[in-house]
PDB file of N, CA and C in Angstrom:
ATOM      1  N   UNK A   1       6.866   3.237   1.125  1.00  0.00           N
ATOM      2  CA  UNK A   1       8.010   4.038   0.765  1.00  0.00           C
ATOM      3  C   UNK A   1       8.124   5.267   1.660  1.00  0.00           C
ATOM      4  N   UNK A   2       7.022   5.712   2.223  1.00  0.00           N
ATOM      5  CA  UNK A   2       7.049   6.899   3.065  1.00  0.00           C
ATOM      6  C   UNK A   2       7.749   6.645   4.385  1.00  0.00           C
ATOM      7  N   UNK A   3       7.966   5.360   4.736  1.00  0.00           N
ATOM      8  CA  UNK A   3       8.609   5.061   5.997  1.00  0.00           C
ATOM      9  C   UNK A   3      10.128   5.015   5.876  1.00  0.00           C
ATOM     10  N   UNK A   4      10.657   5.342   4.708  1.00  0.00           N
ATOM     11  CA  UNK A   4      12.103   5.353   4.547  1.00  0.00           C
ATOM     12  C   UNK A   4      12.725   6.436   5.422  1.00  0.00           C
ATOM     13  N   UNK A   5      13.841   6.102   6.042  1.00  0.00           N
ATOM     14  CA  UNK A   5      14.544   7.104   6.823  1.00  0.00           C
ATOM     15  C   UNK A   5      15.338   7.989   5.878  1.00  0.00           C
ATOM     16  N   UNK A   6      15.854   9.092   6.405  1.00  0.00           N
ATOM     17  CA  UNK A   6      16.653   9.994   5.588  1.00  0.00           C
ATOM     18  C   UNK A   6      17.871   9.306   5.010  1.00  0.00           C
ATOM     19  N   UNK A   7      18.527   8.462   5.809  1.00  0.00           N
ATOM     20  CA  UNK A   7      19.732   7.770   5.361  1.00  0.00           C
ATOM     21  C   UNK A   7      19.408   6.772   4.264  1.00  0.00           C
ATOM     22  N   UNK A   8      18.351   5.989   4.430  1.00  0.00           N
ATOM     23  CA  UNK A   8      18.018   5.008   3.407  1.00  0.00           C
ATOM     24  C   UNK A   8      17.529   5.683   2.134  1.00  0.00           C
ATOM     25  N   UNK A   9      16.901   6.850   2.247  1.00  0.00           N
ATOM     26  CA  UNK A   9      16.494   7.593   1.053  1.00  0.00           C
ATOM     27  C   UNK A   9      17.717   8.069   0.283  1.00  0.00           C
ATOM     28  N   UNK A  10      18.747   8.513   0.988  1.00  0.00           N
ATOM     29  CA  UNK A  10      19.967   8.945   0.318  1.00  0.00           C
ATOM     30  C   UNK A  10      20.657   7.773  -0.367  1.00  0.00           C
ATOM     31  N   UNK A  11      20.721   6.634   0.311  1.00  0.00           N
ATOM     32  CA  UNK A  11      21.353   5.450  -0.275  1.00  0.00           C
ATOM     33  C   UNK A  11      20.581   5.008  -1.517  1.00  0.00           C
ATOM     34  N   UNK A  12      19.255   4.989  -1.431  1.00  0.00           N
ATOM     35  CA  UNK A  12      18.439   4.616  -2.585  1.00  0.00           C
ATOM     36  C   UNK A  12      18.633   5.611  -3.726  1.00  0.00           C
ATOM     37  N   UNK A  13      18.739   6.894  -3.394  1.00  0.00           N
ATOM     38  CA  UNK A  13      18.987   7.909  -4.419  1.00  0.00           C
ATOM     39  C   UNK A  13      20.329   7.721  -5.098  1.00  0.00           C
ATOM     40  N   UNK A  14      21.337   7.359  -4.328  1.00  0.00           N
ATOM     41  CA  UNK A  14      22.666   7.108  -4.892  1.00  0.00           C
ATOM     42  C   UNK A  14      22.612   5.931  -5.860  1.00  0.00           C
ATOM     43  N   UNK A  15      21.966   4.848  -5.441  1.00  0.00           N
ATOM     44  CA  UNK A  15      21.868   3.676  -6.315  1.00  0.00           C
ATOM     45  C   UNK A  15      21.080   3.992  -7.588  1.00  0.00           C
ATOM     46  N   UNK A  16      20.018   4.762  -7.463  1.00  0.00           N
ATOM     47  CA  UNK A  16      19.234   5.133  -8.644  1.00  0.00           C
ATOM     48  C   UNK A  16      20.041   6.029  -9.579  1.00  0.00           C
ATOM     49  N   UNK A  17      20.824   6.946  -9.032  1.00  0.00           N
ATOM     50  CA  UNK A  17      21.651   7.825  -9.871  1.00  0.00           C
ATOM     51  C   UNK A  17      22.737   7.031 -10.589  1.00  0.00           C
ATOM     52  N   UNK A  18      23.304   6.068  -9.907  1.00  0.00           N
ATOM     53  CA  UNK A  18      24.300   5.214 -10.563  1.00  0.00           C
ATOM     54  C   UNK A  18      23.650   4.451 -11.702  1.00  0.00           C
ATOM     55  N   UNK A  19      22.453   3.937 -11.461  1.00  0.00           N
ATOM     56  CA  UNK A  19      21.734   3.251 -12.529  1.00  0.00           C
ATOM     57  C   UNK A  19      21.419   4.176 -13.691  1.00  0.00           C
ATOM     58  N   UNK A  20      21.086   5.420 -13.394  1.00  0.00           N
ATOM     59  CA  UNK A  20      20.746   6.379 -14.444  1.00  0.00           C
ATOM     60  C   UNK A  20      21.953   6.780 -15.277  1.00  0.00           C
ATOM     61  N   UNK A  21      23.134   6.758 -14.693  1.00  0.00           N
ATOM     62  CA  UNK A  21      24.296   7.252 -15.423  1.00  0.00           C
ATOM     63  C   UNK A  21      25.272   6.163 -15.837  1.00  0.00           C
ATOM     64  N   UNK A  22      24.940   4.902 -15.571  1.00  0.00           N
ATOM     65  CA  UNK A  22      25.860   3.821 -15.904  1.00  0.00           C
ATOM     66  C   UNK A  22      26.100   3.725 -17.413  1.00  0.00           C
ATOM     67  N   UNK A  23      25.125   4.115 -18.209  1.00  0.00           N
ATOM     68  CA  UNK A  23      25.281   4.037 -19.663  1.00  0.00           C
ATOM     69  C   UNK A  23      26.321   5.019 -20.170  1.00  0.00           C
ATOM     70  N   UNK A  24      26.518   6.097 -19.458  1.00  0.00           N
ATOM     71  CA  UNK A  24      27.437   7.138 -19.931  1.00  0.00           C
ATOM     72  C   UNK A  24      28.711   7.223 -19.102  1.00  0.00           C
ATOM     73  N   UNK A  25      28.583   7.017 -17.795  1.00  0.00           N
ATOM     74  CA  UNK A  25      29.754   7.117 -16.927  1.00  0.00           C
ATOM     75  C   UNK A  25      30.681   5.928 -17.133  1.00  0.00           C
ATOM     76  N   UNK A  26      30.099   4.747 -17.302  1.00  0.00           N
ATOM     77  CA  UNK A  26      30.908   3.528 -17.475  1.00  0.00           C
ATOM     78  C   UNK A  26      31.890   3.638 -18.625  1.00  0.00           C
ATOM     79  N   UNK A  27      31.416   3.907 -19.843  1.00  0.00           N
ATOM     80  CA  UNK A  27      32.355   4.040 -20.958  1.00  0.00           C
ATOM     81  C   UNK A  27      33.350   5.185 -20.771  1.00  0.00           C
ATOM     82  N   UNK A  28      32.902   6.292 -20.192  1.00  0.00           N
ATOM     83  CA  UNK A  28      33.799   7.422 -19.974  1.00  0.00           C
ATOM     84  C   UNK A  28      34.929   7.055 -19.017  1.00  0.00           C
ATOM     85  N   UNK A  29      34.602   6.360 -17.938  1.00  0.00           N
ATOM     86  CA  UNK A  29      35.626   5.933 -16.967  1.00  0.00           C
ATOM     87  C   UNK A  29      36.579   4.935 -17.613  1.00  0.00           C
ATOM     88  N   UNK A  30      36.031   3.986 -18.363  1.00  0.00           N
ATOM     89  CA  UNK A  30      36.896   2.999 -19.019  1.00  0.00           C
ATOM     90  C   UNK A  30      37.828   3.654 -20.033  1.00  0.00           C
ATOM     91  N   UNK A  31      37.311   4.610 -20.798  1.00  0.00           N
ATOM     92  CA  UNK A  31      38.165   5.311 -21.745  1.00  0.00           C
ATOM     93  C   UNK A  31      39.220   6.150 -21.035  1.00  0.00           C
ATOM     94  N   UNK A  32      38.861   6.754 -19.919  1.00  0.00           N
ATOM     95  CA  UNK A  32      39.834   7.542 -19.151  1.00  0.00           C
ATOM     96  C   UNK A  32      40.936   6.654 -18.597  1.00  0.00           C
ATOM     97  N   UNK A  33      40.598   5.401 -18.310  1.00  0.00           N
ATOM     98  CA  UNK A  33      41.601   4.455 -17.811  1.00  0.00           C
ATOM     99  C   UNK A  33      42.409   3.816 -18.928  1.00  0.00           C
ATOM    100  N   UNK A  34      42.074   4.137 -20.167  1.00  0.00           N
ATOM    101  CA  UNK A  34      42.800   3.593 -21.304  1.00  0.00           C
ATOM    102  C   UNK A  34      42.261   2.256 -21.776  1.00  0.00           C
ATOM    103  N   UNK A  35      41.107   1.874 -21.279  1.00  0.00           N
ATOM    104  CA  UNK A  35      40.501   0.606 -21.674  1.00  0.00           C
ATOM    105  C   UNK A  35      39.504   0.900 -22.776  1.00  0.00           C
ATOM    106  N   UNK A  36      39.641   0.225 -23.880  1.00  0.00           N
ATOM    107  CA  UNK A  36      38.742   0.476 -24.990  1.00  0.00           C
ATOM    108  C   UNK A  36      38.394  -0.819 -25.694  1.00  0.00           C
ATOM    109  N   UNK A  37      37.689  -0.689 -26.748  1.00  0.00           N
ATOM    110  CA  UNK A  37      37.287  -1.855 -27.524  1.00  0.00           C
ATOM    111  C   UNK A  37      35.856  -1.695 -27.971  1.00  0.00           C
ATOM    112  N   UNK A  38      35.453  -2.579 -28.838  1.00  0.00           N
ATOM    113  CA  UNK A  38      34.093  -2.491 -29.348  1.00  0.00           C
ATOM    114  C   UNK A  38      33.061  -2.836 -28.298  1.00  0.00           C
ATOM    115  N   UNK A  39      33.418  -3.616 -27.304  1.00  0.00           N
ATOM    116  CA  UNK A  39      32.460  -4.005 -26.265  1.00  0.00           C
ATOM    117  C   UNK A  39      32.076  -2.830 -25.372  1.00  0.00           C
ATOM    118  N   UNK A  40      32.883  -1.780 -25.348  1.00  0.00           N
ATOM    119  CA  UNK A  40      32.551  -0.604 -24.551  1.00  0.00           C
ATOM    120  C   UNK A  40      31.268   0.036 -25.077  1.00  0.00           C
ATOM    121  N   UNK A  41      31.042  -0.041 -26.373  1.00  0.00           N
ATOM    122  CA  UNK A  41      29.829   0.508 -26.965  1.00  0.00           C
ATOM    123  C   UNK A  41      28.568  -0.210 -26.509  1.00  0.00           C
ATOM    124  N   UNK A  42      28.703  -1.464 -26.087  1.00  0.00           N
ATOM    125  CA  UNK A  42      27.528  -2.211 -25.630  1.00  0.00           C
ATOM    126  C   UNK A  42      27.107  -1.818 -24.222  1.00  0.00           C
ATOM    127  N   UNK A  43      27.878  -1.001 -23.555  1.00  0.00           N
ATOM    128  CA  UNK A  43      27.527  -0.565 -22.209  1.00  0.00           C
ATOM    129  C   UNK A  43      26.377   0.436 -22.211  1.00  0.00           C
ATOM    130  N   UNK A  44      25.952   0.856 -23.352  1.00  0.00           N
ATOM    131  CA  UNK A  44      24.832   1.797 -23.442  1.00  0.00           C
ATOM    132  C   UNK A  44      23.480   1.090 -23.438  1.00  0.00           C
ATOM    133  N   UNK A  45      23.461  -0.181 -23.108  1.00  0.00           N
ATOM    134  CA  UNK A  45      22.207  -0.948 -23.101  1.00  0.00           C
ATOM    135  C   UNK A  45      21.222  -0.425 -22.050  1.00  0.00           C
ATOM    136  N   UNK A  46      21.706   0.274 -21.045  1.00  0.00           N
ATOM    137  CA  UNK A  46      20.839   0.796 -19.990  1.00  0.00           C
ATOM    138  C   UNK A  46      20.206   2.142 -20.351  1.00  0.00           C
ATOM    139  N   UNK A  47      20.572   2.709 -21.472  1.00  0.00           N
ATOM    140  CA  UNK A  47      20.087   4.037 -21.869  1.00  0.00           C
ATOM    141  C   UNK A  47      18.555   4.159 -21.875  1.00  0.00           C
ATOM    142  N   UNK A  48      17.796   3.151 -22.340  1.00  0.00           N
ATOM    143  CA  UNK A  48      16.330   3.303 -22.321  1.00  0.00           C
ATOM    144  C   UNK A  48      15.742   3.429 -20.905  1.00  0.00           C
ATOM    145  N   UNK A  49      16.455   2.936 -19.912  1.00  0.00           N
ATOM    146  CA  UNK A  49      15.955   2.981 -18.533  1.00  0.00           C
ATOM    147  C   UNK A  49      16.387   4.242 -17.793  1.00  0.00           C
ATOM    148  N   UNK A  50      17.165   5.075 -18.418  1.00  0.00           N
ATOM    149  CA  UNK A  50      17.705   6.279 -17.778  1.00  0.00           C
ATOM    150  C   UNK A  50      16.626   7.193 -17.199  1.00  0.00           C
ATOM    151  N   UNK A  51      15.551   7.516 -17.925  1.00  0.00           N
ATOM    152  CA  UNK A  51      14.521   8.388 -17.339  1.00  0.00           C
ATOM    153  C   UNK A  51      13.884   7.794 -16.076  1.00  0.00           C
ATOM    154  N   UNK A  52      13.701   6.489 -16.056  1.00  0.00           N
ATOM    155  CA  UNK A  52      13.160   5.821 -14.874  1.00  0.00           C
ATOM    156  C   UNK A  52      14.085   6.012 -13.672  1.00  0.00           C
ATOM    157  N   UNK A  53      15.382   5.806 -13.880  1.00  0.00           N
ATOM    158  CA  UNK A  53      16.342   5.957 -12.792  1.00  0.00           C
ATOM    159  C   UNK A  53      16.487   7.416 -12.360  1.00  0.00           C
ATOM    160  N   UNK A  54      16.388   8.339 -13.296  1.00  0.00           N
ATOM    161  CA  UNK A  54      16.432   9.758 -12.930  1.00  0.00           C
ATOM    162  C   UNK A  54      15.242  10.093 -12.040  1.00  0.00           C
ATOM    163  N   UNK A  55      14.068   9.590 -12.410  1.00  0.00           N
ATOM    164  CA  UNK A  55      12.878   9.809 -11.589  1.00  0.00           C
ATOM    165  C   UNK A  55      13.034   9.233 -10.191  1.00  0.00           C
ATOM    166  N   UNK A  56      13.584   8.025 -10.099  1.00  0.00           N
ATOM    167  CA  UNK A  56      13.819   7.419  -8.783  1.00  0.00           C
ATOM    168  C   UNK A  56      14.804   8.236  -7.959  1.00  0.00           C
ATOM    169  N   UNK A  57      15.855   8.713  -8.606  1.00  0.00           N
ATOM    170  CA  UNK A  57      16.850   9.528  -7.899  1.00  0.00           C
ATOM    171  C   UNK A  57      16.197  10.776  -7.311  1.00  0.00           C
ATOM    172  N   UNK A  58      15.429  11.470  -8.127  1.00  0.00           N
ATOM    173  CA  UNK A  58      14.776  12.690  -7.652  1.00  0.00           C
ATOM    174  C   UNK A  58      13.731  12.389  -6.578  1.00  0.00           C
ATOM    175  N   UNK A  59      13.030  11.271  -6.710  1.00  0.00           N
ATOM    176  CA  UNK A  59      12.059  10.870  -5.699  1.00  0.00           C
ATOM    177  C   UNK A  59      12.733  10.630  -4.348  1.00  0.00           C
ATOM    178  N   UNK A  60      13.823   9.865  -4.356  1.00  0.00           N
ATOM    179  CA  UNK A  60      14.494   9.550  -3.104  1.00  0.00           C
ATOM    180  C   UNK A  60      15.183  10.774  -2.492  1.00  0.00           C
ATOM    181  N   UNK A  61      15.709  11.651  -3.338  1.00  0.00           N
ATOM    182  CA  UNK A  61      16.259  12.904  -2.813  1.00  0.00           C
ATOM    183  C   UNK A  61      15.151  13.745  -2.186  1.00  0.00           C
ATOM    184  N   UNK A  62      13.998  13.758  -2.819  1.00  0.00           N
ATOM    185  CA  UNK A  62      12.854  14.484  -2.264  1.00  0.00           C
ATOM    186  C   UNK A  62      12.403  13.907  -0.932  1.00  0.00           C
ATOM    187  N   UNK A  63      12.390  12.574  -0.818  1.00  0.00           N
ATOM    188  CA  UNK A  63      12.017  11.946   0.451  1.00  0.00           C
ATOM    189  C   UNK A  63      13.017  12.279   1.552  1.00  0.00           C
ATOM    190  N   UNK A  64      14.306  12.268   1.202  1.00  0.00           N
ATOM    191  CA  UNK A  64      15.318  12.617   2.198  1.00  0.00           C
ATOM    192  C   UNK A  64      15.183  14.079   2.615  1.00  0.00           C
ATOM    193  N   UNK A  65      14.933  14.972   1.642  1.00  0.00           N
ATOM    194  CA  UNK A  65      14.740  16.385   1.952  1.00  0.00           C
ATOM    195  C   UNK A  65      13.536  16.561   2.874  1.00  0.00           C
ATOM    196  N   UNK A  66      12.452  15.867   2.558  1.00  0.00           N
ATOM    197  CA  UNK A  66      11.239  15.939   3.381  1.00  0.00           C
ATOM    198  C   UNK A  66      11.530  15.496   4.810  1.00  0.00           C
ATOM    199  N   UNK A  67      12.258  14.409   4.945  1.00  0.00           N
ATOM    200  CA  UNK A  67      12.577  13.873   6.272  1.00  0.00           C
ATOM    201  C   UNK A  67      13.452  14.845   7.072  1.00  0.00           C
ATOM    202  N   UNK A  68      14.379  15.508   6.391  1.00  0.00           N
ATOM    203  CA  UNK A  68      15.327  16.383   7.090  1.00  0.00           C
ATOM    204  C   UNK A  68      14.794  17.786   7.353  1.00  0.00           C
ATOM    205  N   UNK A  69      13.891  18.279   6.491  1.00  0.00           N
ATOM    206  CA  UNK A  69      13.488  19.674   6.603  1.00  0.00           C
ATOM    207  C   UNK A  69      12.001  19.888   6.889  1.00  0.00           C
ATOM    208  N   UNK A  70      11.141  19.002   6.450  1.00  0.00           N
ATOM    209  CA  UNK A  70       9.713  19.270   6.541  1.00  0.00           C
ATOM    210  C   UNK A  70       8.997  18.514   7.650  1.00  0.00           C
ATOM    211  N   UNK A  71       9.462  17.311   7.992  1.00  0.00           N
ATOM    212  CA  UNK A  71       8.816  16.501   9.020  1.00  0.00           C
ATOM    213  C   UNK A  71       9.463  16.808  10.364  1.00  0.00           C
ATOM    214  N   UNK A  72       8.638  17.112  11.333  1.00  0.00           N
ATOM    215  CA  UNK A  72       9.142  17.410  12.670  1.00  0.00           C
ATOM    216  C   UNK A  72       9.672  16.129  13.305  1.00  0.00           C
ATOM    217  N   UNK A  73      10.913  16.164  13.761  1.00  0.00           N
ATOM    218  CA  UNK A  73      11.537  14.987  14.356  1.00  0.00           C
ATOM    219  C   UNK A  73      11.237  14.952  15.851  1.00  0.00           C
ATOM    220  N   UNK A  74      10.758  13.808  16.329  1.00  0.00           N
ATOM    221  CA  UNK A  74      10.439  13.630  17.746  1.00  0.00           C
ATOM    222  C   UNK A  74      11.533  12.776  18.361  1.00  0.00           C
ATOM    223  N   UNK A  75      12.245  13.351  19.323  1.00  0.00           N
ATOM    224  CA  UNK A  75      13.349  12.647  19.977  1.00  0.00           C
ATOM    225  C   UNK A  75      13.203  12.753  21.490  1.00  0.00           C
ATOM    226  N   UNK A  76      13.588  11.706  22.153  1.00  0.00           N
ATOM    227  CA  UNK A  76      13.636  11.764  23.612  1.00  0.00           C
ATOM    228  C   UNK A  76      14.979  12.347  24.020  1.00  0.00           C
ATOM    229  N   UNK A  77      15.000  13.113  25.101  1.00  0.00           N
ATOM    230  CA  UNK A  77      16.264  13.703  25.546  1.00  0.00           C
ATOM    231  C   UNK A  77      17.308  12.623  25.843  1.00  0.00           C
ATOM    232  N   UNK A  78      18.530  12.922  25.473  1.00  0.00           N
ATOM    233  CA  UNK A  78      19.628  12.006  25.712  1.00  0.00           C
ATOM    234  C   UNK A  78      19.928  11.080  24.546  1.00  0.00           C
ATOM    235  N   UNK A  79      19.077  11.047  23.536  1.00  0.00           N
ATOM    236  CA  UNK A  79      19.349  10.220  22.354  1.00  0.00           C
ATOM    237  C   UNK A  79      20.137  11.035  21.339  1.00  0.00           C
ATOM    238  N   UNK A  80      20.852  10.361  20.439  1.00  0.00           N
ATOM    239  CA  UNK A  80      21.654  11.109  19.460  1.00  0.00           C
ATOM    240  C   UNK A  80      20.840  12.066  18.590  1.00  0.00           C
ATOM    241  N   UNK A  81      19.586  11.726  18.296  1.00  0.00           N
ATOM    242  CA  UNK A  81      18.817  12.612  17.426  1.00  0.00           C
ATOM    243  C   UNK A  81      18.404  13.897  18.142  1.00  0.00           C
ATOM    244  N   UNK A  82      18.498  13.933  19.464  1.00  0.00           N
ATOM    245  CA  UNK A  82      18.157  15.145  20.204  1.00  0.00           C
ATOM    246  C   UNK A  82      19.264  16.192  20.126  1.00  0.00           C
ATOM    247  N   UNK A  83      20.453  15.771  19.708  1.00  0.00           N
ATOM    248  CA  UNK A  83      21.591  16.685  19.596  1.00  0.00           C
ATOM    249  C   UNK A  83      21.476  17.473  18.293  1.00  0.00           C
ATOM    250  N   UNK A  84      21.458  18.819  18.341  1.00  0.00           N
ATOM    251  CA  UNK A  84      21.328  19.611  17.101  1.00  0.00           C
ATOM    252  C   UNK A  84      22.501  19.404  16.142  1.00  0.00           C
ATOM    253  N   UNK A  85      23.659  19.014  16.664  1.00  0.00           N
ATOM    254  CA  UNK A  85      24.807  18.770  15.786  1.00  0.00           C
ATOM    255  C   UNK A  85      24.551  17.579  14.870  1.00  0.00           C
ATOM    256  N   UNK A  86      23.815  16.589  15.361  1.00  0.00           N
ATOM    257  CA  UNK A  86      23.485  15.430  14.539  1.00  0.00           C
ATOM    258  C   UNK A  86      22.635  15.853  13.349  1.00  0.00           C
ATOM    259  N   UNK A  87      21.642  16.680  13.587  1.00  0.00           N
ATOM    260  CA  UNK A  87      20.769  17.174  12.512  1.00  0.00           C
ATOM    261  C   UNK A  87      21.569  17.990  11.505  1.00  0.00           C
ATOM    262  N   UNK A  88      22.482  18.815  11.994  1.00  0.00           N
ATOM    263  CA  UNK A  88      23.334  19.610  11.095  1.00  0.00           C
ATOM    264  C   UNK A  88      24.196  18.704  10.222  1.00  0.00           C
ATOM    265  N   UNK A  89      24.775  17.669  10.809  1.00  0.00           N
ATOM    266  CA  UNK A  89      25.600  16.734  10.035  1.00  0.00           C
ATOM    267  C   UNK A  89      24.768  15.999   8.994  1.00  0.00           C
ATOM    268  N   UNK A  90      23.558  15.612   9.373  1.00  0.00           N
ATOM    269  CA  UNK A  90      22.678  14.937   8.416  1.00  0.00           C
ATOM    270  C   UNK A  90      22.348  15.852   7.248  1.00  0.00           C
ATOM    271  N   UNK A  91      22.066  17.100   7.534  1.00  0.00           N
ATOM    272  CA  UNK A  91      21.742  18.048   6.464  1.00  0.00           C
ATOM    273  C   UNK A  91      22.947  18.328   5.582  1.00  0.00           C
ATOM    274  N   UNK A  92      24.126  18.456   6.169  1.00  0.00           N
ATOM    275  CA  UNK A  92      25.346  18.658   5.395  1.00  0.00           C
ATOM    276  C   UNK A  92      25.603  17.457   4.496  1.00  0.00           C
ATOM    277  N   UNK A  93      25.450  16.262   5.042  1.00  0.00           N
ATOM    278  CA  UNK A  93      25.623  15.050   4.245  1.00  0.00           C
ATOM    279  C   UNK A  93      24.619  15.012   3.103  1.00  0.00           C
ATOM    280  N   UNK A  94      23.384  15.389   3.383  1.00  0.00           N
ATOM    281  CA  UNK A  94      22.360  15.411   2.341  1.00  0.00           C
ATOM    282  C   UNK A  94      22.784  16.315   1.192  1.00  0.00           C
ATOM    283  N   UNK A  95      23.229  17.533   1.501  1.00  0.00           N
ATOM    284  CA  UNK A  95      23.579  18.471   0.433  1.00  0.00           C
ATOM    285  C   UNK A  95      24.808  18.029  -0.341  1.00  0.00           C
ATOM    286  N   UNK A  96      25.778  17.420   0.325  1.00  0.00           N
ATOM    287  CA  UNK A  96      26.950  16.905  -0.382  1.00  0.00           C
ATOM    288  C   UNK A  96      26.534  15.795  -1.340  1.00  0.00           C
ATOM    289  N   UNK A  97      25.724  14.859  -0.836  1.00  0.00           N
ATOM    290  CA  UNK A  97      25.261  13.752  -1.677  1.00  0.00           C
ATOM    291  C   UNK A  97      24.380  14.267  -2.814  1.00  0.00           C
ATOM    292  N   UNK A  98      23.501  15.224  -2.538  1.00  0.00           N
ATOM    293  CA  UNK A  98      22.617  15.762  -3.571  1.00  0.00           C
ATOM    294  C   UNK A  98      23.417  16.412  -4.691  1.00  0.00           C
ATOM    295  N   UNK A  99      24.435  17.177  -4.349  1.00  0.00           N
ATOM    296  CA  UNK A  99      25.271  17.824  -5.368  1.00  0.00           C
ATOM    297  C   UNK A  99      26.013  16.782  -6.192  1.00  0.00           C
ATOM    298  N   UNK A 100      26.560  15.763  -5.517  1.00  0.00           N
ATOM    299  CA  UNK A 100      27.270  14.705  -6.245  1.00  0.00           C
ATOM    300  C   UNK A 100      26.325  13.931  -7.164  1.00  0.00           C
ATOM    301  N   UNK A 101      25.116  13.654  -6.692  1.00  0.00           N
ATOM    302  CA  UNK A 101      24.149  12.928  -7.514  1.00  0.00           C
ATOM    303  C   UNK A 101      23.713  13.744  -8.720  1.00  0.00           C
ATOM    304  N   UNK A 102      23.477  15.013  -8.523  1.00  0.00           N
ATOM    305  CA  UNK A 102      23.077  15.859  -9.649  1.00  0.00           C
ATOM    306  C   UNK A 102      24.213  15.986 -10.658  1.00  0.00           C
ATOM    307  N   UNK A 103      25.446  16.023 -10.174  1.00  0.00           N
ATOM    308  CA  UNK A 103      26.598  16.035 -11.080  1.00  0.00           C
ATOM    309  C   UNK A 103      26.679  14.721 -11.846  1.00  0.00           C
ATOM    310  N   UNK A 104      26.412  13.621 -11.163  1.00  0.00           N
ATOM    311  CA  UNK A 104      26.431  12.315 -11.810  1.00  0.00           C
ATOM    312  C   UNK A 104      25.336  12.219 -12.872  1.00  0.00           C
ATOM    313  N   UNK A 105      24.179  12.786 -12.588  1.00  0.00           N
ATOM    314  CA  UNK A 105      23.099  12.778 -13.567  1.00  0.00           C
ATOM    315  C   UNK A 105      23.407  13.678 -14.766  1.00  0.00           C
ATOM    316  N   UNK A 106      24.251  14.670 -14.578  1.00  0.00           N
ATOM    317  CA  UNK A 106      24.593  15.596 -15.659  1.00  0.00           C
ATOM    318  C   UNK A 106      25.690  15.057 -16.573  1.00  0.00           C
ATOM    319  N   UNK A 107      26.296  13.938 -16.227  1.00  0.00           N
ATOM    320  CA  UNK A 107      27.408  13.401 -17.010  1.00  0.00           C
ATOM    321  C   UNK A 107      27.055  13.197 -18.486  1.00  0.00           C
ATOM    322  N   UNK A 108      25.890  12.668 -18.832  1.00  0.00           N
ATOM    323  CA  UNK A 108      25.614  12.477 -20.261  1.00  0.00           C
ATOM    324  C   UNK A 108      25.652  13.767 -21.081  1.00  0.00           C
ATOM    325  N   UNK A 109      25.306  14.863 -20.471  1.00  0.00           N
ATOM    326  CA  UNK A 109      25.348  16.139 -21.184  1.00  0.00           C
ATOM    327  C   UNK A 109      26.751  16.729 -21.180  1.00  0.00           C
ATOM    328  N   UNK A 110      27.546  16.378 -20.181  1.00  0.00           N
ATOM    329  CA  UNK A 110      28.906  16.903 -20.093  1.00  0.00           C
ATOM    330  C   UNK A 110      29.946  15.990 -20.737  1.00  0.00           C
ATOM    331  N   UNK A 111      29.615  14.708 -20.904  1.00  0.00           N
ATOM    332  CA  UNK A 111      30.571  13.725 -21.437  1.00  0.00           C
ATOM    333  C   UNK A 111      31.137  14.113 -22.802  1.00  0.00           C
ATOM    334  N   UNK A 112      30.339  14.646 -23.727  1.00  0.00           N
ATOM    335  CA  UNK A 112      30.924  15.005 -25.034  1.00  0.00           C
ATOM    336  C   UNK A 112      32.064  16.017 -24.934  1.00  0.00           C
ATOM    337  N   UNK A 113      32.115  16.764 -23.864  1.00  0.00           N
ATOM    338  CA  UNK A 113      33.219  17.720 -23.696  1.00  0.00           C
ATOM    339  C   UNK A 113      34.543  17.015 -23.425  1.00  0.00           C
ATOM    340  N   UNK A 114      34.490  15.762 -22.960  1.00  0.00           N
ATOM    341  CA  UNK A 114      35.703  15.023 -22.611  1.00  0.00           C
ATOM    342  C   UNK A 114      36.125  14.026 -23.674  1.00  0.00           C
ATOM    343  N   UNK A 115      35.288  13.729 -24.643  1.00  0.00           N
ATOM    344  CA  UNK A 115      35.639  12.748 -25.689  1.00  0.00           C
ATOM    345  C   UNK A 115      36.429  13.412 -26.780  1.00  0.00           C
TER     346      UNK A 115
END
């Protein structure tokens, strides 16, 4: 797992966050779209796995942070990673994704405000 690149860590974090919030975001989105019914209540079947997915999300975000900020990147001159603008874009993307993921993880606590 330590060999994950920054990009794959972000993608894995996104998938884990979606898994963590599917129990709450799914019904909320369906209700916002006007879709309802008793079967919407069965979408909470993933709730017991939520802590596991939250842990995975935070783990993968931590790996991406480590890759972008703590591990010294070795690049040969002339490659895209040698350009400081590339590193800046990667860091900006990381923070945008991290904020969106944390917002997605907060949905279960914020969802009652919308029901």
